[in-house]
Protein backbone atom coordinates (compact mmCIF):
# COMPACT_ATOMS: atom_id res chain seq x y z
CA MET A 1 16.79 -85.15 -75.40
CA THR A 2 19.10 -82.66 -74.05
CA ALA A 3 21.23 -82.81 -71.12
CA ASN A 4 23.34 -80.74 -68.70
CA PRO A 5 25.89 -81.73 -65.89
CA LYS A 6 22.77 -82.11 -63.13
CA ALA A 7 19.42 -83.63 -65.42
CA GLY A 8 18.47 -84.62 -68.82
CA TYR A 9 15.31 -83.60 -70.72
CA ALA A 10 13.47 -85.76 -73.02
CA VAL A 11 10.47 -85.22 -75.28
CA TRP A 12 8.10 -87.85 -76.93
CA TYR A 13 5.00 -88.51 -78.54
CA ASP A 14 2.36 -90.40 -77.03
CA GLY A 15 -0.39 -91.63 -79.07
CA ARG A 16 -1.69 -94.11 -76.99
CA SER A 17 -5.68 -94.29 -76.34
CA GLY A 18 -5.80 -91.02 -78.97
CA THR A 19 -4.53 -88.97 -76.81
CA TYR A 20 -2.29 -87.72 -78.90
CA LYS A 21 0.26 -85.49 -77.27
CA ASN A 22 3.59 -84.32 -76.60
CA VAL A 23 4.86 -85.30 -72.93
CA GLY A 24 8.72 -84.37 -71.72
CA SER A 25 10.38 -85.43 -68.41
CA TYR A 26 13.11 -84.46 -66.00
CA ILE A 27 15.73 -87.60 -65.22
CA PRO A 28 16.95 -87.27 -62.10
CA ASP A 29 13.57 -85.58 -61.01
CA PHE A 30 11.00 -84.60 -58.17
CA GLY A 31 7.54 -84.52 -57.70
CA MET A 32 6.06 -81.15 -56.42
CA LEU A 33 2.63 -80.18 -55.14
CA ALA A 34 1.23 -76.71 -53.10
CA THR A 35 -1.94 -77.03 -50.81
CA PRO A 36 -4.25 -75.44 -50.19
CA SER A 37 -5.09 -74.17 -53.53
CA SER A 38 -6.40 -71.13 -52.22
CA GLN A 39 -6.79 -69.65 -49.05
CA THR A 40 -8.12 -66.25 -47.38
CA VAL A 41 -6.15 -63.72 -45.74
CA HIS A 42 -7.27 -60.09 -44.53
CA GLN A 43 -5.92 -56.94 -46.40
CA THR A 44 -4.13 -55.57 -43.20
CA ASN A 45 -1.00 -57.08 -41.58
CA ASP A 46 -2.14 -60.85 -41.81
CA SER A 47 -0.94 -64.06 -43.25
CA ARG A 48 -1.48 -67.82 -44.22
CA ASN A 49 0.55 -70.54 -44.81
CA PHE A 50 1.08 -73.02 -47.98
CA ALA A 51 2.90 -76.44 -48.01
CA ILE A 52 4.93 -77.16 -50.45
CA ASN A 53 5.75 -80.98 -50.72
CA ILE A 54 8.01 -83.14 -52.45
CA PRO A 55 5.88 -86.27 -52.32
CA ALA A 56 8.62 -88.30 -54.21
CA VAL A 57 11.68 -88.41 -56.34
CA LYS A 58 13.29 -90.02 -59.11
CA LEU A 59 16.98 -90.56 -58.77
CA TYR A 60 17.33 -86.48 -57.67
CA THR A 61 19.14 -85.98 -54.50
CA ASP A 62 20.44 -81.87 -55.44
CA VAL A 63 19.28 -79.32 -53.18
CA THR A 64 15.66 -77.75 -54.11
CA THR A 65 15.68 -74.28 -53.85
CA PHE A 66 12.09 -72.16 -53.89
CA SER A 67 10.94 -69.14 -54.60
CA GLY A 68 7.80 -67.26 -55.73
CA THR A 69 5.72 -64.19 -57.45
CA ILE A 70 2.60 -62.67 -56.82
CA SER A 71 0.22 -60.86 -59.09
CA PRO A 72 -0.99 -58.45 -59.52
CA THR A 73 0.37 -55.98 -57.72
CA PRO A 74 -1.37 -54.33 -55.27
CA ALA A 75 -2.45 -50.62 -55.35
CA THR A 76 -1.73 -50.25 -51.80
CA GLY A 77 0.25 -52.36 -49.37
CA SER A 78 2.17 -55.42 -50.56
CA ILE A 79 1.52 -59.36 -50.26
CA GLN A 80 5.04 -60.93 -48.99
CA LEU A 81 6.48 -64.33 -49.26
CA GLU A 82 8.22 -65.85 -46.32
CA PHE A 83 9.93 -69.52 -46.66
CA LEU A 84 9.62 -70.95 -43.48
CA GLY A 85 13.36 -72.29 -41.98
CA GLY A 86 14.98 -70.96 -45.17
CA ASN A 87 13.70 -71.58 -49.13
CA THR A 88 15.85 -74.95 -49.84
CA LEU A 89 14.86 -78.70 -48.92
CA THR A 90 18.03 -81.04 -48.91
CA SER A 91 16.24 -84.41 -48.52
CA TYR A 92 12.93 -86.30 -49.19
CA PRO A 93 10.38 -87.02 -49.13
CA ASN A 94 9.80 -83.58 -47.32
CA THR A 95 7.60 -80.31 -47.29
CA LYS A 96 8.76 -76.54 -47.07
CA TYR A 97 5.94 -73.94 -45.56
CA VAL A 98 5.86 -70.91 -47.18
CA LYS A 99 3.73 -67.89 -45.19
CA ALA A 100 1.85 -65.04 -47.50
CA LYS A 101 1.59 -62.12 -45.29
CA THR A 102 -0.35 -58.94 -46.16
CA VAL A 103 1.68 -56.00 -45.01
CA GLY A 104 -0.07 -52.50 -44.47
CA THR A 105 -3.53 -52.62 -46.24
CA VAL A 106 -3.91 -54.21 -49.17
CA THR A 107 -6.27 -52.65 -51.91
CA PRO A 108 -8.05 -53.64 -54.00
CA THR A 109 -9.21 -56.74 -52.53
CA GLY A 110 -9.92 -59.91 -54.51
CA ILE A 111 -7.84 -62.74 -55.90
CA TYR A 112 -4.03 -62.61 -55.86
CA THR A 113 -2.44 -65.21 -57.72
CA ILE A 114 0.93 -67.23 -56.17
CA VAL A 115 3.17 -69.00 -58.62
CA LEU A 116 6.17 -71.41 -56.69
CA THR A 117 8.53 -72.14 -58.47
CA GLY A 118 11.08 -75.16 -57.18
CA GLN A 119 14.42 -76.15 -59.07
CA GLY A 120 17.69 -77.84 -58.71
CA SER A 121 20.97 -76.65 -57.72
CA ASN A 122 21.83 -75.21 -61.85
CA GLY A 123 17.81 -74.62 -62.65
CA THR A 124 16.74 -77.43 -63.16
CA PRO A 125 14.66 -79.76 -62.93
CA VAL A 126 12.32 -76.78 -62.56
CA HIS A 127 8.59 -76.80 -61.47
CA LYS A 128 5.66 -74.78 -60.86
CA ARG A 129 2.66 -74.50 -58.89
CA THR A 130 0.05 -71.94 -58.83
CA VAL A 131 -2.23 -71.23 -55.50
CA THR A 132 -4.53 -68.13 -54.74
CA VAL A 133 -5.07 -66.02 -51.57
CA ASN A 134 -8.60 -63.86 -51.52
CA VAL A 135 -7.53 -60.84 -49.90
CA THR A 136 -10.86 -59.84 -48.13
CA ASN A 137 -12.03 -57.24 -44.92
CA THR A 138 -12.81 -60.54 -43.11
CA VAL A 139 -11.19 -61.64 -40.08
CA GLY A 140 -10.73 -65.06 -38.49
CA SER A 141 -11.36 -66.68 -35.30
CA THR A 142 -9.45 -65.74 -32.10
CA PRO A 143 -5.97 -67.97 -31.67
CA CYS A 144 -5.43 -70.60 -29.78
CA GLU A 145 -1.69 -72.04 -30.18
CA ALA A 146 -0.43 -75.00 -28.56
CA PHE A 147 2.71 -75.22 -31.46
CA THR A 148 1.70 -79.17 -31.85
CA ASP A 149 2.82 -78.09 -36.09
CA THR A 150 6.01 -78.44 -36.75
CA LYS A 151 5.77 -75.75 -38.75
CA PHE A 152 6.78 -72.58 -37.68
CA PRO A 153 5.75 -69.78 -36.71
CA PRO A 154 2.58 -71.78 -36.77
CA ALA A 155 -0.41 -70.76 -39.26
CA SER A 156 -1.90 -68.25 -36.82
CA MET A 157 0.88 -66.27 -36.38
CA PHE A 158 4.02 -64.92 -38.15
CA GLN A 159 7.12 -63.09 -37.38
CA GLU A 160 8.94 -59.63 -37.28
CA TYR A 161 12.66 -59.79 -36.94
CA SER A 162 15.74 -58.43 -39.18
CA GLY A 163 19.06 -60.78 -39.79
CA THR A 164 19.22 -63.76 -37.88
CA ASN A 165 15.88 -65.21 -37.03
CA TYR A 166 16.19 -66.13 -32.85
CA TRP A 167 12.22 -67.54 -32.87
CA SER A 168 12.13 -70.95 -33.10
CA ARG A 169 9.91 -74.28 -32.52
CA ASN A 170 10.85 -76.15 -29.97
CA ASN A 171 9.77 -79.62 -28.54
CA VAL A 172 9.47 -79.15 -24.58
CA SER A 173 5.77 -78.19 -23.96
CA ALA A 174 4.05 -76.59 -20.69
CA TYR A 175 4.13 -78.88 -18.18
CA GLY A 176 5.09 -81.40 -20.33
CA SER A 177 1.54 -82.06 -21.29
CA GLY A 178 2.06 -81.14 -25.14
CA THR A 179 4.18 -81.55 -27.92
CA GLY A 180 5.68 -77.87 -28.34
CA SER A 181 6.07 -74.71 -27.71
CA ALA A 182 7.55 -71.16 -29.23
CA LYS A 183 11.44 -70.48 -28.11
CA PHE A 184 13.35 -67.20 -28.23
CA ASP A 185 17.19 -67.46 -27.84
CA PHE A 186 18.00 -64.78 -25.54
CA TYR A 187 21.00 -67.12 -24.96
CA ASN A 188 22.62 -66.18 -28.48
CA ALA A 189 21.07 -62.84 -29.69
CA THR A 190 23.12 -60.04 -28.68
CA VAL A 191 21.85 -57.17 -26.81
CA GLY A 192 19.31 -54.73 -27.87
CA ASN A 193 17.87 -57.50 -30.38
CA VAL A 194 14.03 -57.01 -30.93
CA GLN A 195 11.78 -59.73 -32.56
CA SER A 196 8.20 -60.21 -31.96
CA LEU A 197 6.13 -63.20 -32.58
CA VAL A 198 2.45 -61.61 -33.93
CA THR A 199 -0.81 -63.27 -34.14
CA ASN A 200 -2.83 -63.42 -37.37
CA ASN A 201 -5.93 -60.40 -37.30
CA PHE A 202 -9.37 -62.05 -35.22
CA ALA A 203 -12.72 -60.43 -34.30
CA ALA A 204 -12.44 -57.46 -31.89
CA VAL A 205 -13.09 -58.66 -28.56
CA GLY A 206 -15.33 -57.98 -26.29
CA THR A 207 -15.60 -57.37 -22.58
CA GLY A 208 -14.32 -60.01 -20.28
CA THR A 209 -11.68 -61.49 -22.77
CA TYR A 210 -8.14 -62.24 -21.85
CA LEU A 211 -4.42 -63.45 -23.16
CA THR A 212 -3.76 -66.46 -21.42
CA PHE A 213 -0.30 -68.58 -21.69
CA ASP A 214 2.55 -70.23 -20.29
CA GLU A 215 5.88 -69.45 -19.83
CA ALA A 216 9.13 -70.71 -18.91
CA TYR A 217 12.53 -68.42 -18.39
CA ALA A 218 15.98 -68.75 -16.70
CA PRO A 219 17.99 -65.91 -16.06
CA TYR A 220 21.67 -66.04 -17.04
CA ASP A 221 23.57 -66.62 -14.15
CA GLY A 222 25.70 -63.37 -14.04
CA SER A 223 24.40 -60.07 -13.31
CA THR A 224 26.39 -58.25 -16.27
CA PHE A 225 24.02 -60.27 -18.36
CA GLY A 226 20.61 -58.96 -19.12
CA PRO A 227 17.56 -58.26 -17.88
CA ASP A 228 15.80 -60.03 -21.13
CA THR A 229 12.15 -58.47 -21.85
CA LEU A 230 8.82 -59.89 -23.23
CA GLN A 231 6.91 -56.63 -24.24
CA VAL A 232 2.92 -58.22 -24.76
CA GLU A 233 1.57 -55.82 -27.14
CA THR A 234 -2.32 -55.15 -28.19
CA SER A 235 -3.66 -53.46 -31.11
CA LEU A 236 -7.17 -52.48 -31.83
CA ASP A 237 -6.68 -51.52 -35.49
CA PHE A 238 -4.88 -54.36 -37.10
CA GLY A 239 -1.25 -53.66 -36.22
CA ALA A 240 -1.35 -50.10 -37.52
CA THR A 241 -0.54 -49.11 -33.87
CA TRP A 242 0.29 -50.84 -30.77
CA THR A 243 0.22 -50.55 -26.98
CA THR A 244 2.01 -51.80 -24.41
CA LEU A 245 -0.39 -54.63 -22.26
CA GLN A 246 2.43 -55.88 -19.97
CA THR A 247 6.34 -55.75 -19.41
CA LEU A 248 8.02 -58.63 -18.58
CA ILE A 249 11.54 -58.49 -16.74
CA GLY A 250 13.93 -61.94 -16.91
CA ASN A 251 15.60 -60.52 -13.91
CA PHE A 252 19.28 -62.37 -12.26
CA ALA A 253 18.44 -60.87 -8.74
CA GLY A 254 15.09 -63.06 -8.93
CA THR A 255 12.37 -60.83 -8.77
CA GLY A 256 11.64 -61.06 -13.10
CA GLU A 257 8.55 -61.11 -13.78
CA LEU A 258 9.58 -64.02 -16.47
CA ASN A 259 11.36 -65.68 -13.87
CA SER A 260 10.52 -69.56 -13.56
CA ALA A 261 13.70 -71.17 -12.67
CA PRO A 262 16.62 -70.46 -11.17
CA PRO A 263 19.94 -68.89 -12.95
CA THR A 264 22.40 -71.00 -14.87
CA THR A 265 25.01 -70.38 -16.93
CA ILE A 266 24.32 -72.81 -19.57
CA ALA A 267 21.27 -72.51 -21.93
CA PHE A 268 18.08 -72.85 -20.46
CA THR A 269 15.87 -75.75 -21.04
CA PRO A 270 12.80 -75.63 -18.81
CA VAL A 271 11.67 -79.65 -17.32
CA ALA A 272 7.81 -79.98 -16.63
CA SER A 273 7.29 -78.13 -13.33
CA GLN A 274 9.39 -74.66 -14.18
CA TRP A 275 6.53 -73.22 -16.31
CA ARG A 276 4.34 -70.22 -14.88
CA PRO A 277 0.71 -69.45 -16.33
CA LYS A 278 0.00 -65.63 -17.27
CA ILE A 279 -3.11 -64.15 -17.55
CA TYR A 280 -4.04 -60.47 -18.76
CA LEU A 281 -7.62 -59.11 -19.29
CA LEU A 282 -7.87 -57.40 -22.94
CA PRO A 283 -8.81 -53.96 -23.63
CA THR A 284 -12.41 -54.00 -25.57
CA GLY A 285 -12.01 -53.87 -29.16
CA THR A 286 -8.15 -55.98 -29.23
CA ASN A 287 -7.95 -57.42 -32.93
CA LYS A 288 -4.54 -58.61 -32.77
CA VAL A 289 -1.32 -59.47 -30.18
CA ARG A 290 2.15 -59.13 -30.10
CA MET A 291 5.24 -60.78 -28.36
CA LYS A 292 7.88 -58.80 -28.33
CA ALA A 293 11.22 -59.81 -27.50
CA LYS A 294 14.27 -58.05 -26.47
CA SER A 295 17.24 -59.27 -25.47
CA GLY A 296 19.72 -58.82 -23.02
CA PHE A 297 21.93 -61.60 -23.97
CA GLY A 298 20.64 -63.68 -20.75
CA ASN A 299 18.80 -67.15 -21.39
CA ASN A 300 16.20 -68.90 -23.24
CA LEU A 301 12.21 -67.85 -23.05
CA TYR A 302 9.89 -70.48 -23.92
CA LEU A 303 6.19 -69.73 -24.43
CA ASP A 304 2.81 -72.00 -25.07
CA ASN A 305 -0.83 -72.19 -24.72
CA ILE A 306 -1.24 -68.93 -26.41
CA CYS A 307 -4.70 -68.14 -26.49
CA VAL A 308 -7.54 -65.38 -26.70
CA GLN A 309 -10.39 -66.37 -24.46
CA SER A 310 -13.89 -65.14 -22.94
CA LEU A 311 -13.40 -65.94 -19.26
CA ALA A 312 -16.28 -66.15 -16.74
CA THR A 313 -15.73 -63.37 -14.28
CA PRO A 314 -14.46 -64.94 -11.43
CA ALA A 315 -16.83 -65.09 -7.95
CA GLN A 316 -15.80 -64.77 -4.43
CA SER A 317 -14.77 -68.02 -2.88
CA ASN A 318 -15.11 -68.54 0.56
CA ILE A 319 -11.98 -70.64 2.90
CA PRO A 320 -12.47 -70.74 6.43
CA VAL A 321 -9.15 -71.24 8.38
CA ILE A 322 -8.12 -70.56 12.05
CA PRO A 323 -4.84 -70.18 14.12
CA GLU A 324 -5.12 -72.38 17.09
CA ALA A 325 -4.35 -69.81 19.50
CA MET A 326 -6.73 -67.22 18.11
CA PHE A 327 -9.60 -69.44 18.50
CA ASN A 328 -12.40 -68.63 20.51
CA PRO A 329 -15.16 -71.29 20.83
CA VAL A 330 -18.22 -68.61 20.52
CA SER A 331 -19.11 -66.25 17.56
CA PRO A 332 -16.92 -64.54 15.70
CA PHE A 333 -15.07 -67.87 16.54
CA HIS A 334 -11.69 -66.11 16.58
CA THR A 335 -9.77 -63.59 19.15
CA ARG A 336 -8.79 -61.51 16.35
CA ASN A 337 -9.70 -61.00 12.73
CA ASP A 338 -6.15 -61.42 11.52
CA THR A 339 -4.79 -61.38 7.83
CA VAL A 340 -4.20 -64.88 5.94
CA ARG A 341 -3.58 -65.38 2.51
CA ILE A 342 -5.13 -68.21 0.21
CA TYR A 343 -2.92 -69.62 -2.35
CA LEU A 344 -3.95 -72.15 -5.28
CA ALA A 345 -1.40 -74.49 -6.54
CA ARG A 346 -1.33 -76.78 -9.13
CA THR A 347 -2.09 -80.57 -8.14
CA ASP A 348 0.52 -82.25 -10.64
CA PHE A 349 3.08 -79.60 -10.03
CA PRO A 350 2.07 -78.24 -6.29
CA ASN A 351 5.08 -75.66 -6.61
CA ILE A 352 3.29 -73.99 -9.14
CA ARG A 353 0.79 -71.33 -7.39
CA VAL A 354 -0.81 -69.83 -9.90
CA ASP A 355 -3.05 -67.74 -8.19
CA SER A 356 -4.05 -66.05 -4.60
CA PHE A 357 -5.86 -63.63 -2.25
CA LYS A 358 -4.89 -61.93 1.45
CA THR A 359 -7.87 -60.95 3.50
CA ASN A 360 -8.84 -60.83 7.21
CA ILE A 361 -10.56 -63.66 9.15
CA GLN A 362 -14.08 -62.23 9.31
CA VAL A 363 -17.22 -63.55 11.47
CA ASN A 364 -17.71 -67.54 12.03
CA ALA A 365 -13.92 -67.74 11.22
CA ALA A 366 -14.90 -67.04 7.36
CA VAL A 367 -12.59 -65.94 4.43
CA LEU A 368 -13.57 -64.26 2.09
CA GLY A 369 -11.74 -63.44 -1.39
CA THR A 370 -11.71 -63.67 -5.07
CA PHE A 371 -9.30 -65.78 -7.45
CA GLY A 372 -9.00 -63.40 -10.46
CA LEU A 373 -6.35 -65.31 -12.54
CA ALA A 374 -7.06 -68.85 -12.22
CA LEU A 375 -8.27 -70.84 -14.90
CA SER A 376 -10.87 -73.76 -14.17
CA GLY A 377 -9.24 -76.97 -12.67
CA ASN A 378 -8.00 -78.87 -9.78
CA TYR A 379 -5.91 -77.16 -7.09
CA TYR A 380 -5.07 -77.39 -3.66
CA LEU A 381 -5.54 -74.40 -1.58
CA ILE A 382 -2.94 -73.65 0.81
CA ALA A 383 -3.08 -71.25 3.87
CA ASN A 384 -0.69 -68.95 4.83
CA HIS A 385 -0.58 -67.09 8.21
CA ARG A 386 2.42 -65.12 9.62
CA ASN A 387 3.10 -67.30 12.47
CA SER A 388 1.33 -70.37 11.80
CA LEU A 389 2.32 -73.38 10.03
CA LEU A 390 1.84 -73.26 6.29
CA THR A 391 -1.07 -75.65 5.88
CA TRP A 392 -2.39 -77.23 2.50
CA SER A 393 -5.82 -78.68 1.86
CA LYS A 394 -6.02 -82.33 1.50
CA VAL A 395 -4.83 -84.98 -1.05
CA GLY A 396 -6.29 -84.79 -4.18
CA GLY A 397 -7.27 -81.00 -4.15
CA GLN A 398 -10.36 -79.03 -5.05
CA SER A 399 -12.22 -78.85 -8.05
CA TYR A 400 -12.59 -74.92 -9.19
CA THR A 401 -14.37 -73.40 -11.96
CA ARG A 402 -14.05 -69.79 -12.92
CA GLY A 403 -17.09 -67.66 -12.07
CA SER A 404 -18.08 -69.89 -9.20
CA SER A 405 -17.62 -69.73 -5.58
CA LEU A 406 -14.94 -72.03 -4.26
CA SER A 407 -16.08 -73.23 -0.78
CA PHE A 408 -13.49 -75.25 1.59
CA ASN A 409 -13.44 -75.62 5.08
CA PHE A 410 -10.02 -76.08 6.89
CA ILE A 411 -12.21 -75.98 10.43
CA VAL A 412 -14.83 -78.37 10.13
CA GLY A 413 -14.04 -82.00 10.78
CA SER A 414 -11.13 -84.12 10.56
CA GLY A 415 -8.94 -84.83 7.32
CA GLN A 416 -9.32 -81.49 5.82
CA ALA A 417 -5.94 -80.49 5.89
CA TYR A 418 -3.58 -82.34 4.31
CA ASN A 419 -2.11 -85.16 6.04
CA ASN A 420 -4.72 -84.03 8.73
CA ASN A 421 -1.82 -81.39 9.81
CA GLN A 422 -3.61 -79.56 11.93
CA LYS A 423 -4.91 -79.06 16.08
CA LEU A 424 -8.08 -80.16 17.57
CA VAL A 425 -9.66 -76.92 18.99
CA TYR A 426 -12.48 -78.03 19.72
CA PRO A 427 -13.11 -81.69 20.79
CA LEU A 428 -16.95 -81.39 21.23
CA ASN A 429 -17.45 -79.91 17.45
CA ASN A 430 -14.60 -81.71 16.27
CA TRP A 431 -13.03 -78.37 14.61
CA TYR A 432 -9.25 -77.68 13.88
CA GLY A 433 -7.06 -74.75 13.48
CA MET A 434 -3.61 -74.20 12.10
CA TYR A 435 -0.46 -75.37 14.76
CA GLN A 436 0.97 -71.91 15.50
CA GLY A 437 4.42 -71.02 16.55
CA ASP A 438 6.49 -71.09 13.20
CA VAL A 439 7.69 -67.51 13.90
CA ASN A 440 10.41 -67.40 11.52
CA ARG A 441 8.59 -69.60 8.46
CA ASP A 442 11.01 -72.02 8.24
CA LYS A 443 7.73 -74.56 7.72
CA ILE A 444 9.02 -76.34 11.54
CA ILE A 445 8.22 -75.63 14.80
CA ASP A 446 11.09 -76.14 16.70
CA GLY A 447 13.91 -74.31 19.33
CA THR A 448 14.60 -71.16 17.31
CA ASP A 449 11.04 -70.27 17.07
CA VAL A 450 10.48 -70.85 20.87
CA GLY A 451 13.46 -69.33 21.73
CA LEU A 452 12.24 -66.05 19.84
CA ILE A 453 9.00 -66.20 21.68
CA ASP A 454 10.96 -66.86 25.40
CA ASN A 455 13.01 -63.78 24.25
CA ASP A 456 10.16 -61.24 23.65
CA ALA A 457 8.19 -62.74 26.64
CA SER A 458 11.17 -62.13 28.96
CA ASN A 459 11.27 -57.96 27.50
CA PHE A 460 7.68 -57.76 27.92
CA VAL A 461 6.89 -57.09 24.40
CA THR A 462 3.71 -55.68 23.43
CA GLY A 463 1.79 -54.81 19.82
CA TYR A 464 1.10 -56.75 16.90
CA VAL A 465 4.37 -58.34 16.76
CA VAL A 466 5.06 -62.11 14.99
CA THR A 467 5.35 -63.84 18.65
CA ASP A 468 2.14 -62.98 19.94
CA LEU A 469 0.49 -65.98 18.89
CA ASN A 470 -2.71 -65.64 20.39
CA GLY A 471 -3.72 -62.34 19.27
CA ASP A 472 -4.12 -59.98 22.44
CA ASN A 473 -1.01 -57.59 22.12
CA PHE A 474 1.12 -59.38 24.87
CA VAL A 475 3.94 -61.58 24.00
CA ASP A 476 3.72 -63.67 27.29
CA GLY A 477 3.91 -67.31 28.60
CA THR A 478 0.60 -68.00 27.26
CA ASP A 479 1.99 -67.58 23.74
CA PHE A 480 5.32 -69.69 24.54
CA LEU A 481 3.47 -72.27 26.04
CA VAL A 482 1.55 -73.08 22.55
CA ALA A 483 4.83 -72.97 20.68
CA ASP A 484 6.83 -74.96 23.54
CA ASN A 485 4.02 -77.88 23.02
CA ASN A 486 4.41 -78.14 19.02
CA ALA A 487 7.81 -77.83 19.00
CA SER A 488 7.99 -80.81 21.99
CA ASP A 489 5.50 -82.60 19.38
CA PHE A 490 7.83 -81.99 16.39
CA ILE A 491 5.22 -80.73 14.38
CA ILE A 492 6.36 -79.41 10.59
CA ALA A 493 4.54 -78.44 7.57
CA ALA A 494 3.05 -82.00 5.76
CA GLU A 495 3.24 -80.72 1.79
CA PRO A 496 2.05 -83.12 -1.18
CA PRO A 497 5.50 -84.33 -3.33
CA GLY A 498 6.94 -81.36 -5.45
CA ALA A 499 5.67 -78.54 -3.47
CA GLU A 500 8.75 -77.38 -2.59
CA PRO A 501 8.83 -73.55 -4.35
CA LEU A 502 12.06 -72.90 -4.68
CA ILE A 503 13.08 -75.07 -7.92
CA ALA A 504 16.68 -77.38 -7.55
CA ALA A 505 19.52 -75.07 -9.14
CA ASN A 506 19.98 -76.08 -12.57
CA ARG A 507 22.91 -78.56 -12.88
CA GLU A 508 25.94 -77.18 -14.65
CA SER A 509 27.04 -80.03 -17.24
CA ASP A 510 30.38 -81.62 -16.98
CA ALA A 511 31.13 -82.19 -20.53
CA PRO A 512 33.27 -80.06 -22.15
CA GLN A 513 31.54 -76.80 -23.31
CA VAL A 514 31.19 -76.08 -27.19
CA PHE A 515 30.78 -72.37 -27.86
CA GLU A 516 29.35 -71.17 -31.44
CA THR A 517 31.36 -67.83 -31.10
CA GLU A 518 33.82 -65.92 -29.45
CA GLN A 519 31.20 -64.09 -27.45
CA HIS A 520 29.56 -67.16 -26.28
CA ARG A 521 32.92 -68.80 -24.69
CA MET A 522 33.38 -65.18 -23.14
CA LYS A 523 30.14 -64.78 -21.85
CA TYR A 524 30.04 -68.46 -20.34
CA GLU A 525 33.48 -67.76 -18.56
CA ALA A 526 32.55 -64.64 -17.02
CA GLY A 527 29.24 -66.20 -15.88
CA MET A 528 31.61 -68.82 -13.95
CA LYS A 529 33.85 -66.11 -12.79
CA GLN A 530 31.40 -64.10 -11.35
CA LYS A 531 29.71 -67.17 -9.40
CA SER A 532 32.80 -68.70 -7.71
CA GLU A 533 33.70 -64.69 -6.47
CA ASN A 534 29.98 -64.22 -4.90
CA PRO A 535 30.37 -65.64 -1.61
CA VAL A 536 28.22 -68.36 -0.58
CA VAL A 537 25.65 -66.92 2.16
CA GLN A 538 25.45 -69.26 4.84
CA GLU A 539 21.95 -70.01 6.67
CA LYS A 540 21.56 -69.31 10.10
CA LYS A 541 21.59 -71.85 12.03
CA LYS A 542 18.58 -73.70 13.82
CA VAL A 543 18.27 -74.54 16.85
CA SER A 544 16.21 -77.78 17.75
CA TYR A 545 13.83 -77.74 20.71
CA LYS A 546 16.24 -80.33 22.05
CA GLU A 547 19.37 -77.78 21.44
CA TYR A 548 16.98 -75.04 23.54
CA LEU A 549 15.99 -77.33 26.59
CA GLU A 550 20.06 -77.81 26.72
CA MET A 551 20.28 -74.04 26.55
CA LYS A 552 17.81 -73.18 28.64
CA ARG A 553 19.25 -75.85 31.62
CA ASN A 554 22.62 -74.16 31.26
CA GLU A 555 21.29 -70.75 31.84
CA TYR A 556 19.16 -71.81 35.13
CA ASN A 557 22.26 -73.78 36.08
CA LYS A 558 24.83 -70.61 36.12
CA ILE A 559 22.09 -68.58 37.76
CA LYS A 560 22.26 -70.94 40.59
């Protein structure tokens, strides 16, 4: 028996059952397992995870530090070990994950042995376990990562970074429907810091294959911070070279492709309605994808449901709709083939519009177009016309299958619009049209709109103008009458709960702010100072229909 200040070690002879063996044991001690015993990895820039589990301890409370060695040494390339979240454990039972990565192209292919060592703070107790990696030229399947596993990066991915790692797993998930996501901490990452989340290798994709993912991002509330950038890159040679597929910007000005929530000076954590979908056609032959984050010292980014998948080619859809004053009871059933835009919005989060197309109204009021971005699902349809009230499809939404045509008719029959919010334009056939007269596009037809039409009619305005409701290129009493009737009936847009696209601003916390560094304190104070100095833009006062009538009455009295 021997001992040191941390552990003792005893050896004894055990002759029971004719075993005739010597047995040794530490006290205190921990158990240690490594699984799986073997994994297959591609020879070029690929990775696999192993789990080192301490299932039980015997009086052991010390820190356990892990290390590993690989043999034999490859002739070309290298195999590197990365202990996820650091190489120590301090509480038990517990699990530490280690990622084995091929860097460059490892040759020769074949079996490589990894010896994993766990030991106490002074080197005792110490245990070793052996696993193997089979390095081959065989690639895995295409990834679809929802970050459900608590280890990070997940088995299907690895990280590229130096210094402090700003990628991590977070418990929030896209639309609140999962258990986790990947987070890049732009809030703390210094300006210019570049770090990537990279997929393992997969079989080269064919035509019609897409990268899809969900993202959530809010810019920092201060124009001196940002922009933050996510660069989506693809490789045709397992990461030897990269091509930029898309560059997404998070911008304080509100125009960034990453932006899914309003600016805030607090570290951003999204709610379920603050996610947005992304979809990009991959080049044929793609066998690796990289999500490269470049910090502008702005605010946090979250990614979820990163999938490489083959999707059907979208088919043309037909969504007949007609503005009320442009309706004609005989073919082509409209007075002008004006432009409309049709949106698809999620039924669970109607503020999230996933796709749209813009086209002209055709013969028989056909509105033909293709939803190129939407995945199969259930959606509301939204008809948007330049001087009509925004019109949503009926309660419950419509089922859309990518690759199949979506047909929905706003015109024929009552109840096609949400809350039946359309004008009956042809009682004989029970046909409906969009309410017209929302000239300023504020989702209500009121005195402001009527006044704008009235002014243009008084000035004999002609041409393709928003105040010409019936499309005859003249603003006159006919247009005025349509808007006046709707305003007198207090017509407003009917939308499902949660449809407002402008997400409420993130509220600053009333609790005292805690700063990790002096730089973070200065960042927060600079953002708050900018907010206090920026003048609040006052909205132009709306004129109700009652106020409009009073104004016209006063004008008439002055003339008398």
